[in-house]
Amino acid sequence: MPQVRVMGDDPDHVEQVVSLLLALIGSSPSLTAGDPTRLRHRNGGGRVVFDLNATNRRAPTDRPTRVQSERIDNQAAPRPRHAPVRRELPPG
């Protein structure tokens, strides 16, 4: 999934750019933006990421969509290992 990342040293400017981008994307019938996630920036600036999807994306027509799943049971717990057999030391 495509992701947009906006980052900079001034967190207020980053927020301003993100709000403008989200407004532009929201006005487009072809694009949908996910919820923005605010991340820490190394030097105290701002970093925001969000997913971007094309709403008019066509499915490939050259092959049918096929979904298959298989049941995977949890394997039995491994058997505990037995302690090695201790042998007596030879008489000294």
C-alpha atoms as a PDB file:
ATOM      1  CA  MET A   1       0.000   0.000   0.000  1.00  0.00           C
ATOM      2  CA  PRO A   2       1.459   3.392  -0.911  1.00  0.00           C
ATOM      3  CA  GLN A   3       2.359   5.576   2.028  1.00  0.00           C
ATOM      4  CA  VAL A   4       3.039   9.311   2.206  1.00  0.00           C
ATOM      5  CA  ARG A   5       5.562  10.656   4.703  1.00  0.00           C
ATOM      6  CA  VAL A   6       5.891  14.338   5.546  1.00  0.00           C
ATOM      7  CA  MET A   7       8.740  15.327   7.828  1.00  0.00           C
ATOM      8  CA  GLY A   8      10.672  18.413   8.743  1.00  0.00           C
ATOM      9  CA  ASP A   9      12.404  20.319  11.527  1.00  0.00           C
ATOM     10  CA  ASP A  10       9.401  22.599  12.223  1.00  0.00           C
ATOM     11  CA  PRO A  11       6.466  20.531  13.557  1.00  0.00           C
ATOM     12  CA  ASP A  12       3.969  23.359  12.946  1.00  0.00           C
ATOM     13  CA  HIS A  13       4.957  23.579   9.288  1.00  0.00           C
ATOM     14  CA  VAL A  14       4.687  19.791   8.923  1.00  0.00           C
ATOM     15  CA  GLU A  15       1.155  19.886  10.388  1.00  0.00           C
ATOM     16  CA  GLN A  16       0.206  22.716   8.020  1.00  0.00           C
ATOM     17  CA  VAL A  17       1.460  20.788   4.976  1.00  0.00           C
ATOM     18  CA  VAL A  18      -0.296  17.578   6.114  1.00  0.00           C
ATOM     19  CA  SER A  19      -3.610  19.380   6.593  1.00  0.00           C
ATOM     20  CA  LEU A  20      -3.311  20.909   3.093  1.00  0.00           C
ATOM     21  CA  LEU A  21      -2.438  17.543   1.557  1.00  0.00           C
ATOM     22  CA  LEU A  22      -5.339  15.796   3.284  1.00  0.00           C
ATOM     23  CA  ALA A  23      -7.725  18.501   2.071  1.00  0.00           C
ATOM     24  CA  LEU A  24      -6.465  18.142  -1.512  1.00  0.00           C
ATOM     25  CA  ILE A  25      -6.675  14.361  -1.380  1.00  0.00           C
ATOM     26  CA  GLY A  26     -10.144  14.564   0.172  1.00  0.00           C
ATOM     27  CA  SER A  27     -11.363  16.712  -2.719  1.00  0.00           C
ATOM     28  CA  SER A  28     -10.214  14.128  -5.270  1.00  0.00           C
ATOM     29  CA  PRO A  29     -12.715  11.386  -6.141  1.00  0.00           C
ATOM     30  CA  SER A  30      -9.828   9.135  -7.208  1.00  0.00           C
ATOM     31  CA  LEU A  31      -7.855   9.145  -3.954  1.00  0.00           C
ATOM     32  CA  THR A  32      -8.497   8.108  -0.376  1.00  0.00           C
ATOM     33  CA  ALA A  33      -6.158   8.892   2.528  1.00  0.00           C
ATOM     34  CA  GLY A  34      -5.852   6.854   5.695  1.00  0.00           C
ATOM     35  CA  ASP A  35      -5.645   8.300   9.175  1.00  0.00           C
ATOM     36  CA  PRO A  36      -2.398  10.193   9.761  1.00  0.00           C
ATOM     37  CA  THR A  37       0.071   8.773  12.268  1.00  0.00           C
ATOM     38  CA  ARG A  38       2.409  11.140  14.067  1.00  0.00           C
ATOM     39  CA  LEU A  39       5.847   9.718  14.737  1.00  0.00           C
ATOM     40  CA  ARG A  40       8.805  11.001  16.688  1.00  0.00           C
ATOM     41  CA  HIS A  41      11.425  12.945  14.778  1.00  0.00           C
ATOM     42  CA  ARG A  42      15.060  12.645  15.810  1.00  0.00           C
ATOM     43  CA  ASN A  43      15.662  16.354  16.335  1.00  0.00           C
ATOM     44  CA  GLY A  44      12.265  17.264  17.761  1.00  0.00           C
ATOM     45  CA  GLY A  45      10.678  18.185  14.423  1.00  0.00           C
ATOM     46  CA  GLY A  46       7.556  16.650  12.992  1.00  0.00           C
ATOM     47  CA  ARG A  47       6.989  13.420  11.090  1.00  0.00           C
ATOM     48  CA  VAL A  48       3.562  12.297   9.862  1.00  0.00           C
ATOM     49  CA  VAL A  49       2.718   9.288   7.702  1.00  0.00           C
ATOM     50  CA  PHE A  50      -0.551   8.178   6.115  1.00  0.00           C
ATOM     51  CA  ASP A  51      -1.697   5.587   3.585  1.00  0.00           C
ATOM     52  CA  LEU A  52      -2.870   6.701   0.161  1.00  0.00           C
ATOM     53  CA  ASN A  53      -5.166   4.571  -1.998  1.00  0.00           C
ATOM     54  CA  ALA A  54      -6.503   4.949  -5.516  1.00  0.00           C
ATOM     55  CA  THR A  55     -10.261   4.378  -5.354  1.00  0.00           C
ATOM     56  CA  ASN A  56     -10.633   3.720  -9.075  1.00  0.00           C
ATOM     57  CA  ARG A  57      -7.911   1.074  -9.198  1.00  0.00           C
ATOM     58  CA  ARG A  58      -8.865  -1.766 -11.501  1.00  0.00           C
ATOM     59  CA  ALA A  59      -8.353  -5.395 -10.658  1.00  0.00           C
ATOM     60  CA  PRO A  60      -6.123  -7.282 -13.072  1.00  0.00           C
ATOM     61  CA  THR A  61      -8.295  -8.825 -15.778  1.00  0.00           C
ATOM     62  CA  ASP A  62      -5.766 -11.322 -17.066  1.00  0.00           C
ATOM     63  CA  ARG A  63      -6.187 -13.677 -14.122  1.00  0.00           C
ATOM     64  CA  PRO A  64      -9.037 -14.460 -11.739  1.00  0.00           C
ATOM     65  CA  THR A  65      -8.731 -13.703  -8.068  1.00  0.00           C
ATOM     66  CA  ARG A  66      -8.292 -16.840  -6.014  1.00  0.00           C
ATOM     67  CA  VAL A  67      -8.047 -17.076  -2.250  1.00  0.00           C
ATOM     68  CA  GLN A  68      -7.040 -20.238  -0.435  1.00  0.00           C
ATOM     69  CA  SER A  69      -6.376 -20.888   3.218  1.00  0.00           C
ATOM     70  CA  GLU A  70      -5.266 -23.913   5.120  1.00  0.00           C
ATOM     71  CA  ARG A  71      -5.800 -24.820   8.714  1.00  0.00           C
ATOM     72  CA  ILE A  72      -2.629 -25.017  10.737  1.00  0.00           C
ATOM     73  CA  ASP A  73      -2.996 -26.705  14.100  1.00  0.00           C
ATOM     74  CA  ASN A  74      -0.614 -25.917  16.883  1.00  0.00           C
ATOM     75  CA  GLN A  75       1.978 -28.594  17.105  1.00  0.00           C
ATOM     76  CA  ALA A  76       2.162 -30.671  20.252  1.00  0.00           C
ATOM     77  CA  ALA A  77       4.539 -29.361  22.859  1.00  0.00           C
ATOM     78  CA  PRO A  78       8.010 -30.837  22.503  1.00  0.00           C
ATOM     79  CA  ARG A  79       8.754 -33.704  24.827  1.00  0.00           C
ATOM     80  CA  PRO A  80      11.005 -32.795  27.729  1.00  0.00           C
ATOM     81  CA  ARG A  81      14.525 -34.015  27.322  1.00  0.00           C
ATOM     82  CA  HIS A  82      15.660 -36.572  29.798  1.00  0.00           C
ATOM     83  CA  ALA A  83      18.769 -35.833  31.781  1.00  0.00           C
ATOM     84  CA  PRO A  84      21.741 -37.829  30.540  1.00  0.00           C
ATOM     85  CA  VAL A  85      22.445 -40.994  32.471  1.00  0.00           C
ATOM     86  CA  ARG A  86      25.232 -40.412  34.980  1.00  0.00           C
ATOM     87  CA  ARG A  87      27.826 -43.056  35.276  1.00  0.00           C
ATOM     88  CA  GLU A  88      29.864 -43.646  38.361  1.00  0.00           C
ATOM     89  CA  LEU A  89      33.480 -42.635  38.374  1.00  0.00           C
ATOM     90  CA  PRO A  90      35.934 -45.503  38.265  1.00  0.00           C
ATOM     91  CA  PRO A  91      37.369 -46.426  41.650  1.00  0.00           C
ATOM     92  CA  GLY A  92      40.295 -44.232  42.305  1.00  0.00           C
END
